[in-house]
Amino acid sequence: MNRSEKGSARHSAFAKRNRHKKGLFLPMERSAANKLVLPIRLALETLRRGRGRRDAIFSMVEVTLLVGFLIEAGDSVISKETVDSAERRLHRALEDLGGSDGMELDPELVETLTVVVNEYDRVLREARLISILEANERLGAFTHAAVAERRHLDA
């Protein structure tokens, strides 16, 4: 589940195609940020209440990866160690979850995820839109590669 060190978000194909669009160099509109953050906050609250459902955990994985990509791009203020710790512990939680759909997460992990979600919220409201879109592009590529690897291993 670790992010690859390959490539730089600063040189993505998306960024090269859209450098002339001034709106990409401004922060995201508040209403758009709110729409993205609300489901993540609800997933976090579900986990905080001890109802660790698979979809809530996957939401936290995606947010953790996005914040990690934003750290690598220089757009996040939390430490890489915080995000790496959350990634490792989420990975373990998913392994422990196995085929079941629910579990209670370690309270320390939930607190770390709270830090990550708060940073995600802040970045959506303050970072340049292009940085967020580049991180999202990297997440898509990462997810695609992980699915392809999983299919290869299952074959």
C-alpha atoms as a PDB file:
ATOM      1  CA  MET A   1       0.000   0.000   0.000  1.00  0.00           C
ATOM      2  CA  ASN A   2       3.043   2.264   0.027  1.00  0.00           C
ATOM      3  CA  ARG A   3       3.210   5.090  -2.456  1.00  0.00           C
ATOM      4  CA  SER A   4       5.800   4.693  -5.159  1.00  0.00           C
ATOM      5  CA  GLU A   5       8.577   7.238  -5.371  1.00  0.00           C
ATOM      6  CA  LYS A   6       8.348   7.163  -9.182  1.00  0.00           C
ATOM      7  CA  GLY A   7       7.600  10.390 -10.997  1.00  0.00           C
ATOM      8  CA  SER A   8       6.716  13.791  -9.701  1.00  0.00           C
ATOM      9  CA  ALA A   9       3.218  15.183  -9.337  1.00  0.00           C
ATOM     10  CA  ARG A  10       4.647  18.482 -10.594  1.00  0.00           C
ATOM     11  CA  HIS A  11       5.235  17.020 -14.056  1.00  0.00           C
ATOM     12  CA  SER A  12       2.015  15.122 -14.633  1.00  0.00           C
ATOM     13  CA  ALA A  13       0.349  15.050 -18.011  1.00  0.00           C
ATOM     14  CA  PHE A  14      -2.650  16.842 -16.519  1.00  0.00           C
ATOM     15  CA  ALA A  15      -0.503  19.727 -15.314  1.00  0.00           C
ATOM     16  CA  LYS A  16       1.219  20.071 -18.675  1.00  0.00           C
ATOM     17  CA  ARG A  17      -2.111  20.175 -20.518  1.00  0.00           C
ATOM     18  CA  ASN A  18      -3.703  22.735 -18.201  1.00  0.00           C
ATOM     19  CA  ARG A  19      -0.975  25.194 -17.195  1.00  0.00           C
ATOM     20  CA  HIS A  20      -2.759  28.041 -18.999  1.00  0.00           C
ATOM     21  CA  LYS A  21      -5.946  27.797 -16.893  1.00  0.00           C
ATOM     22  CA  LYS A  22      -5.604  30.398 -14.148  1.00  0.00           C
ATOM     23  CA  GLY A  23      -8.375  28.910 -11.986  1.00  0.00           C
ATOM     24  CA  LEU A  24      -6.213  25.866 -11.341  1.00  0.00           C
ATOM     25  CA  PHE A  25      -3.755  28.021  -9.415  1.00  0.00           C
ATOM     26  CA  LEU A  26      -6.408  29.151  -6.928  1.00  0.00           C
ATOM     27  CA  PRO A  27      -7.834  27.168  -4.007  1.00  0.00           C
ATOM     28  CA  MET A  28     -10.898  25.008  -4.527  1.00  0.00           C
ATOM     29  CA  GLU A  29     -14.274  26.676  -3.993  1.00  0.00           C
ATOM     30  CA  ARG A  30     -15.487  26.228  -0.421  1.00  0.00           C
ATOM     31  CA  SER A  31     -18.735  24.513  -1.471  1.00  0.00           C
ATOM     32  CA  ALA A  32     -16.816  21.961  -3.557  1.00  0.00           C
ATOM     33  CA  ALA A  33     -14.396  21.319  -0.685  1.00  0.00           C
ATOM     34  CA  ASN A  34     -17.314  20.831   1.703  1.00  0.00           C
ATOM     35  CA  LYS A  35     -18.871  18.245  -0.629  1.00  0.00           C
ATOM     36  CA  LEU A  36     -15.621  16.285  -0.714  1.00  0.00           C
ATOM     37  CA  VAL A  37     -14.897  16.486   3.015  1.00  0.00           C
ATOM     38  CA  LEU A  38     -18.349  15.649   4.400  1.00  0.00           C
ATOM     39  CA  PRO A  39     -18.404  11.950   3.412  1.00  0.00           C
ATOM     40  CA  ILE A  40     -14.839  11.569   4.701  1.00  0.00           C
ATOM     41  CA  ARG A  41     -15.767  13.106   8.052  1.00  0.00           C
ATOM     42  CA  LEU A  42     -18.793  10.793   8.251  1.00  0.00           C
ATOM     43  CA  ALA A  43     -16.576   7.772   7.531  1.00  0.00           C
ATOM     44  CA  LEU A  44     -14.151   8.917  10.236  1.00  0.00           C
ATOM     45  CA  GLU A  45     -16.991   9.331  12.721  1.00  0.00           C
ATOM     46  CA  THR A  46     -18.197   5.813  11.894  1.00  0.00           C
ATOM     47  CA  LEU A  47     -14.730   4.498  12.704  1.00  0.00           C
ATOM     48  CA  ARG A  48     -14.514   6.612  15.859  1.00  0.00           C
ATOM     49  CA  ARG A  49     -17.754   5.043  17.132  1.00  0.00           C
ATOM     50  CA  GLY A  50     -16.271   1.571  16.736  1.00  0.00           C
ATOM     51  CA  ARG A  51     -18.156   0.640  13.596  1.00  0.00           C
ATOM     52  CA  GLY A  52     -15.198   0.042  11.297  1.00  0.00           C
ATOM     53  CA  ARG A  53     -16.904  -0.886   8.072  1.00  0.00           C
ATOM     54  CA  ARG A  54     -14.872  -1.773   5.000  1.00  0.00           C
ATOM     55  CA  ASP A  55     -16.117   1.244   2.987  1.00  0.00           C
ATOM     56  CA  ALA A  56     -15.142   3.655   5.785  1.00  0.00           C
ATOM     57  CA  ILE A  57     -11.688   2.104   6.014  1.00  0.00           C
ATOM     58  CA  PHE A  58     -11.236   2.346   2.231  1.00  0.00           C
ATOM     59  CA  SER A  59     -12.226   6.029   2.414  1.00  0.00           C
ATOM     60  CA  MET A  60      -9.485   6.556   4.989  1.00  0.00           C
ATOM     61  CA  VAL A  61      -6.984   4.704   2.779  1.00  0.00           C
ATOM     62  CA  GLU A  62      -7.765   7.007  -0.152  1.00  0.00           C
ATOM     63  CA  VAL A  63      -7.515  10.163   1.947  1.00  0.00           C
ATOM     64  CA  THR A  64      -4.277   8.982   3.532  1.00  0.00           C
ATOM     65  CA  LEU A  65      -2.762   8.293   0.119  1.00  0.00           C
ATOM     66  CA  LEU A  66      -3.918  11.672  -1.221  1.00  0.00           C
ATOM     67  CA  VAL A  67      -2.429  13.521   1.734  1.00  0.00           C
ATOM     68  CA  GLY A  68       0.774  11.528   1.250  1.00  0.00           C
ATOM     69  CA  PHE A  69       0.956  12.630  -2.374  1.00  0.00           C
ATOM     70  CA  LEU A  70       0.324  16.231  -1.296  1.00  0.00           C
ATOM     71  CA  ILE A  71       3.160  15.969   1.243  1.00  0.00           C
ATOM     72  CA  GLU A  72       5.484  14.787  -1.537  1.00  0.00           C
ATOM     73  CA  ALA A  73       4.382  17.771  -3.642  1.00  0.00           C
ATOM     74  CA  GLY A  74       5.054  20.167  -0.755  1.00  0.00           C
ATOM     75  CA  ASP A  75       1.407  21.104  -0.179  1.00  0.00           C
ATOM     76  CA  SER A  76       0.847  19.531   3.239  1.00  0.00           C
ATOM     77  CA  VAL A  77       2.107  20.516   6.675  1.00  0.00           C
ATOM     78  CA  ILE A  78       1.821  17.221   8.547  1.00  0.00           C
ATOM     79  CA  SER A  79       4.752  14.844   8.707  1.00  0.00           C
ATOM     80  CA  LYS A  80       5.336  12.061   6.225  1.00  0.00           C
ATOM     81  CA  GLU A  81       5.852   9.744   9.222  1.00  0.00           C
ATOM     82  CA  THR A  82       2.284  10.414  10.411  1.00  0.00           C
ATOM     83  CA  VAL A  83       0.861   9.447   7.034  1.00  0.00           C
ATOM     84  CA  ASP A  84       3.181   6.455   6.628  1.00  0.00           C
ATOM     85  CA  SER A  85       2.137   5.189  10.072  1.00  0.00           C
ATOM     86  CA  ALA A  86      -1.540   5.572   9.183  1.00  0.00           C
ATOM     87  CA  GLU A  87      -0.980   3.716   5.889  1.00  0.00           C
ATOM     88  CA  ARG A  88       0.750   0.790   7.587  1.00  0.00           C
ATOM     89  CA  ARG A  89      -1.879   0.505  10.309  1.00  0.00           C
ATOM     90  CA  LEU A  90      -4.763   0.772   7.828  1.00  0.00           C
ATOM     91  CA  HIS A  91      -3.145  -1.982   5.780  1.00  0.00           C
ATOM     92  CA  ARG A  92      -2.995  -4.181   8.888  1.00  0.00           C
ATOM     93  CA  ALA A  93      -6.618  -3.333   9.707  1.00  0.00           C
ATOM     94  CA  LEU A  94      -7.718  -4.409   6.226  1.00  0.00           C
ATOM     95  CA  GLU A  95      -5.782  -7.665   6.576  1.00  0.00           C
ATOM     96  CA  ASP A  96      -7.379  -8.277   9.983  1.00  0.00           C
ATOM     97  CA  LEU A  97     -10.807  -7.477   8.562  1.00  0.00           C
ATOM     98  CA  GLY A  98     -10.490 -10.360   6.117  1.00  0.00           C
ATOM     99  CA  GLY A  99     -13.869 -11.321   4.690  1.00  0.00           C
ATOM    100  CA  SER A 100     -15.936  -9.668   7.407  1.00  0.00           C
ATOM    101  CA  ASP A 101     -17.435  -6.218   6.962  1.00  0.00           C
ATOM    102  CA  GLY A 102     -16.902  -4.693  10.392  1.00  0.00           C
ATOM    103  CA  MET A 103     -14.358  -4.238  13.132  1.00  0.00           C
ATOM    104  CA  GLU A 104     -13.265  -1.794  15.805  1.00  0.00           C
ATOM    105  CA  LEU A 105     -10.088   0.120  15.052  1.00  0.00           C
ATOM    106  CA  ASP A 106      -7.340   0.905  17.528  1.00  0.00           C
ATOM    107  CA  PRO A 107      -8.125   4.302  19.169  1.00  0.00           C
ATOM    108  CA  GLU A 108      -4.579   5.489  18.420  1.00  0.00           C
ATOM    109  CA  LEU A 109      -5.142   4.797  14.708  1.00  0.00           C
ATOM    110  CA  VAL A 110      -8.423   6.710  14.829  1.00  0.00           C
ATOM    111  CA  GLU A 111      -6.600   9.694  16.365  1.00  0.00           C
ATOM    112  CA  THR A 112      -3.940   9.548  13.651  1.00  0.00           C
ATOM    113  CA  LEU A 113      -6.677   9.373  11.011  1.00  0.00           C
ATOM    114  CA  THR A 114      -8.290  12.440  12.589  1.00  0.00           C
ATOM    115  CA  VAL A 115      -5.035  14.349  12.027  1.00  0.00           C
ATOM    116  CA  VAL A 116      -4.915  13.132   8.415  1.00  0.00           C
ATOM    117  CA  VAL A 117      -8.566  14.035   7.735  1.00  0.00           C
ATOM    118  CA  ASN A 118      -8.119  17.484   9.286  1.00  0.00           C
ATOM    119  CA  GLU A 119      -5.110  18.025   7.018  1.00  0.00           C
ATOM    120  CA  TYR A 120      -7.122  16.824   4.003  1.00  0.00           C
ATOM    121  CA  ASP A 121      -9.828  19.346   4.908  1.00  0.00           C
ATOM    122  CA  ARG A 122      -7.271  22.156   5.256  1.00  0.00           C
ATOM    123  CA  VAL A 123      -5.509  21.307   2.009  1.00  0.00           C
ATOM    124  CA  LEU A 124      -8.765  21.239   0.043  1.00  0.00           C
ATOM    125  CA  ARG A 125      -9.542  24.745   1.267  1.00  0.00           C
ATOM    126  CA  GLU A 126      -6.049  26.264   0.948  1.00  0.00           C
ATOM    127  CA  ALA A 127      -3.902  24.474  -1.648  1.00  0.00           C
ATOM    128  CA  ARG A 128      -3.947  25.261  -5.332  1.00  0.00           C
ATOM    129  CA  LEU A 129      -6.546  23.238  -7.197  1.00  0.00           C
ATOM    130  CA  ILE A 130      -3.900  21.943  -9.598  1.00  0.00           C
ATOM    131  CA  SER A 131      -2.013  20.329  -6.689  1.00  0.00           C
ATOM    132  CA  ILE A 132      -5.144  18.509  -5.572  1.00  0.00           C
ATOM    133  CA  LEU A 133      -5.949  17.377  -9.106  1.00  0.00           C
ATOM    134  CA  GLU A 134      -2.396  16.116  -9.626  1.00  0.00           C
ATOM    135  CA  ALA A 135      -2.560  14.165  -6.348  1.00  0.00           C
ATOM    136  CA  ASN A 136      -5.891  12.715  -7.441  1.00  0.00           C
ATOM    137  CA  GLU A 137      -4.365  11.748 -10.783  1.00  0.00           C
ATOM    138  CA  ARG A 138      -1.551   9.962  -8.943  1.00  0.00           C
ATOM    139  CA  LEU A 139      -4.117   8.202  -6.735  1.00  0.00           C
ATOM    140  CA  GLY A 140      -5.914   6.964  -9.839  1.00  0.00           C
ATOM    141  CA  ALA A 141      -2.687   5.625 -11.323  1.00  0.00           C
ATOM    142  CA  PHE A 142      -1.725   4.034  -8.010  1.00  0.00           C
ATOM    143  CA  THR A 143      -5.139   2.388  -7.685  1.00  0.00           C
ATOM    144  CA  HIS A 144      -5.030   1.141 -11.267  1.00  0.00           C
ATOM    145  CA  ALA A 145      -1.578  -0.373 -10.712  1.00  0.00           C
ATOM    146  CA  ALA A 146      -2.687  -2.011  -7.442  1.00  0.00           C
ATOM    147  CA  VAL A 147      -5.749  -3.558  -9.103  1.00  0.00           C
ATOM    148  CA  ALA A 148      -3.637  -4.851 -11.990  1.00  0.00           C
ATOM    149  CA  GLU A 149      -1.118  -6.349  -9.573  1.00  0.00           C
ATOM    150  CA  ARG A 150      -3.910  -7.983  -7.567  1.00  0.00           C
ATOM    151  CA  ARG A 151      -5.388  -9.509 -10.716  1.00  0.00           C
ATOM    152  CA  HIS A 152      -1.962 -10.787 -11.704  1.00  0.00           C
ATOM    153  CA  LEU A 153      -1.460 -12.391  -8.286  1.00  0.00           C
ATOM    154  CA  ASP A 154      -4.941 -13.948  -8.327  1.00  0.00           C
ATOM    155  CA  ALA A 155      -4.409 -15.454 -11.782  1.00  0.00           C
END
